[in-house]
Amino acid sequence: MQTDLNQLIASLPGAAVVHATRLGLALTPKLEPGARRELVSQLSRLARSATGERHTVTTWLGDLLAYGGWLRHGQIAEFAAATGLDAGTLRNAKMVCLRIPLSRRHDALSWSHHCEVGLAFADPEKIEHWLAMAEHEKVATAELRRRIRLHVATSPRDTPAAESAPGFRLMRELRAAARAAEQLRSVWTRWPASTAGLALEELQPLTRFLDTMRATVLANTACPPGDPGAN
């Protein structure tokens, strides 16, 4: 038997949720850790047991993951194991919820419509344009996906790499690695030469990445020939 949306909403802990719809959650400001844990537990149960409203539960998880800066490294993978959902699905849900706040979601559209737009664009004006167009023209999800792909393929690449889906994932992993290195500074600053050498071998791809990034920044900030600032 399919789970009714109203039943799902009624099952949410009131201490954590201000408002809930099929397209998202408005969470309590300054959500207390205890209330957050209760919400995590309930959403995990719903993800495994609810039928007929899977997209709604995924949306709610996306809003929870996007809330504040409480996540630690690797916690999305833990969420995936607890909910039975794919970790990539949860990362995408988080990104869409970050880019399209609940107040800007279109009630006439599905969560799938929002995913197509939110994963393709980071600019709020572009997001609103595509959502409004999909609502006004009653565009099906598959057709919306086709139009977005055509638009991206034929438009100038003016979106920074860090705003694309692969770029977003890479920046997230780089930030996590930087935080881990900083937190364990007292460990690696005492490594002997042999361990340091092994670390350098392991980090060769990252070294090449850093060299490329430095060269790119220098190439774009250096004064061109004849520029008065070059003297």
Foldseek 3Di string as FASTA:
>chain_A
DADDPVVLVVPQDPLFFDDADLQETDTDPPRDPVSLVVRLLSLLVCLAPHPPSNSSSLLHLLLSVLPDDPDAPPVLVVSCVSNVHDSVSSVLSVQLCNQAPPVRADPQDHNLQSSLLSQLDRDNVSSSVLRVVCNVVVDDSVRSNVVSVVCVVPDPPPDDQCSHPVNVVVVVVVVNVVVVCVVCVVPVVPDDPVVVVVVCVVCVVVVVVVVVVVVVVCVVPQDDPPDVVND
